[in-house]
């Protein structure tokens, strides 16, 4: 996630079911048989629109595919 989280930085995650997810949060998601960090762009019902830090939107995922939320980033 260029600009927000750089390669090699450590992130702290909390389980998604223990914290509220909001627009602009960085979340850990299951996406097309992979696991990624992405930004929350929009939330509708049980769907989350994810994208990156440079404006690209990747698509809608089920809220069940949101596994965690980044709470801190360190070197």
C-alpha atoms as a PDB file:
ATOM      1  CA  UNK A   1       0.000   0.000   0.000  1.00  0.00           C
ATOM      2  CA  UNK A   2       2.447   2.567  -1.336  1.00  0.00           C
ATOM      3  CA  UNK A   3       2.597   5.758   0.709  1.00  0.00           C
ATOM      4  CA  UNK A   4       0.696   4.502   3.691  1.00  0.00           C
ATOM      5  CA  UNK A   5       2.426   1.205   4.453  1.00  0.00           C
ATOM      6  CA  UNK A   6       5.828   0.510   2.903  1.00  0.00           C
ATOM      7  CA  UNK A   7       7.399  -2.866   2.206  1.00  0.00           C
ATOM      8  CA  UNK A   8       9.083  -4.239   5.322  1.00  0.00           C
ATOM      9  CA  UNK A   9       7.041  -2.296   7.834  1.00  0.00           C
ATOM     10  CA  UNK A  10       5.282  -4.230  10.573  1.00  0.00           C
ATOM     11  CA  UNK A  11       1.561  -3.820  11.074  1.00  0.00           C
ATOM     12  CA  UNK A  12      -0.579  -4.606  14.098  1.00  0.00           C
ATOM     13  CA  UNK A  13      -3.929  -6.171  13.291  1.00  0.00           C
ATOM     14  CA  UNK A  14      -7.002  -6.649  15.412  1.00  0.00           C
ATOM     15  CA  UNK A  15      -9.709  -9.151  14.460  1.00  0.00           C
ATOM     16  CA  UNK A  16     -12.453  -7.560  12.383  1.00  0.00           C
ATOM     17  CA  UNK A  17     -15.187  -8.882  14.640  1.00  0.00           C
ATOM     18  CA  UNK A  18     -13.841  -6.921  17.620  1.00  0.00           C
ATOM     19  CA  UNK A  19     -13.709  -3.450  16.054  1.00  0.00           C
ATOM     20  CA  UNK A  20     -15.844  -1.241  13.835  1.00  0.00           C
ATOM     21  CA  UNK A  21     -14.684  -0.843  10.233  1.00  0.00           C
ATOM     22  CA  UNK A  22     -15.003   2.620   8.673  1.00  0.00           C
ATOM     23  CA  UNK A  23     -14.185   4.328   5.371  1.00  0.00           C
ATOM     24  CA  UNK A  24     -10.405   5.014   5.023  1.00  0.00           C
ATOM     25  CA  UNK A  25      -9.460   2.198   7.427  1.00  0.00           C
ATOM     26  CA  UNK A  26      -6.725  -0.167   6.276  1.00  0.00           C
ATOM     27  CA  UNK A  27      -8.066  -3.707   6.481  1.00  0.00           C
ATOM     28  CA  UNK A  28      -6.693  -7.219   6.005  1.00  0.00           C
ATOM     29  CA  UNK A  29      -8.906  -9.080   3.542  1.00  0.00           C
ATOM     30  CA  UNK A  30      -9.328 -12.349   1.705  1.00  0.00           C
ATOM     31  CA  UNK A  31      -9.335 -11.420  -2.009  1.00  0.00           C
ATOM     32  CA  UNK A  32      -9.370 -13.900  -4.912  1.00  0.00           C
ATOM     33  CA  UNK A  33      -7.637 -16.710  -2.958  1.00  0.00           C
ATOM     34  CA  UNK A  34      -5.008 -14.285  -1.572  1.00  0.00           C
ATOM     35  CA  UNK A  35      -4.670 -12.079   1.499  1.00  0.00           C
ATOM     36  CA  UNK A  36      -4.091  -8.328   1.138  1.00  0.00           C
ATOM     37  CA  UNK A  37      -4.100  -5.025   2.957  1.00  0.00           C
ATOM     38  CA  UNK A  38      -6.492  -2.556   1.345  1.00  0.00           C
ATOM     39  CA  UNK A  39      -8.348   0.658   2.084  1.00  0.00           C
ATOM     40  CA  UNK A  40     -12.057   0.768   2.772  1.00  0.00           C
ATOM     41  CA  UNK A  41     -13.620   3.020   0.133  1.00  0.00           C
ATOM     42  CA  UNK A  42     -17.310   2.471   0.916  1.00  0.00           C
ATOM     43  CA  UNK A  43     -19.547   0.263   3.057  1.00  0.00           C
ATOM     44  CA  UNK A  44     -23.047  -0.889   2.088  1.00  0.00           C
ATOM     45  CA  UNK A  45     -24.990  -3.383   4.162  1.00  0.00           C
ATOM     46  CA  UNK A  46     -22.776  -6.498   4.297  1.00  0.00           C
ATOM     47  CA  UNK A  47     -20.465  -5.382   1.454  1.00  0.00           C
ATOM     48  CA  UNK A  48     -17.180  -3.446   1.558  1.00  0.00           C
ATOM     49  CA  UNK A  49     -15.642  -1.642  -1.422  1.00  0.00           C
ATOM     50  CA  UNK A  50     -11.852  -1.926  -1.293  1.00  0.00           C
ATOM     51  CA  UNK A  51      -9.140  -0.008  -3.104  1.00  0.00           C
ATOM     52  CA  UNK A  52      -5.564   1.171  -2.841  1.00  0.00           C
ATOM     53  CA  UNK A  53      -3.809   4.321  -1.707  1.00  0.00           C
ATOM     54  CA  UNK A  54      -3.388   5.763  -5.211  1.00  0.00           C
ATOM     55  CA  UNK A  55      -7.061   5.920  -6.142  1.00  0.00           C
ATOM     56  CA  UNK A  56      -7.729   2.529  -7.712  1.00  0.00           C
ATOM     57  CA  UNK A  57     -10.886   0.689  -6.680  1.00  0.00           C
ATOM     58  CA  UNK A  58     -10.594  -3.110  -6.663  1.00  0.00           C
ATOM     59  CA  UNK A  59     -14.179  -4.149  -6.061  1.00  0.00           C
ATOM     60  CA  UNK A  60     -16.786  -5.214  -3.565  1.00  0.00           C
ATOM     61  CA  UNK A  61     -16.173  -7.979  -1.043  1.00  0.00           C
ATOM     62  CA  UNK A  62     -18.375  -9.599   1.532  1.00  0.00           C
ATOM     63  CA  UNK A  63     -17.956  -8.318   5.082  1.00  0.00           C
ATOM     64  CA  UNK A  64     -17.099 -11.951   5.919  1.00  0.00           C
ATOM     65  CA  UNK A  65     -13.880 -11.561   3.898  1.00  0.00           C
ATOM     66  CA  UNK A  66     -12.667  -8.737   6.144  1.00  0.00           C
ATOM     67  CA  UNK A  67     -10.344 -10.537   8.557  1.00  0.00           C
ATOM     68  CA  UNK A  68      -8.755  -7.690  10.489  1.00  0.00           C
ATOM     69  CA  UNK A  69      -8.040  -3.993  10.790  1.00  0.00           C
ATOM     70  CA  UNK A  70      -4.627  -2.327  10.941  1.00  0.00           C
ATOM     71  CA  UNK A  71      -4.264  -0.390  14.176  1.00  0.00           C
ATOM     72  CA  UNK A  72      -0.594   0.607  13.938  1.00  0.00           C
ATOM     73  CA  UNK A  73       2.374   0.586  11.564  1.00  0.00           C
ATOM     74  CA  UNK A  74       6.036   0.525  12.640  1.00  0.00           C
ATOM     75  CA  UNK A  75       9.498   0.050  11.113  1.00  0.00           C
END
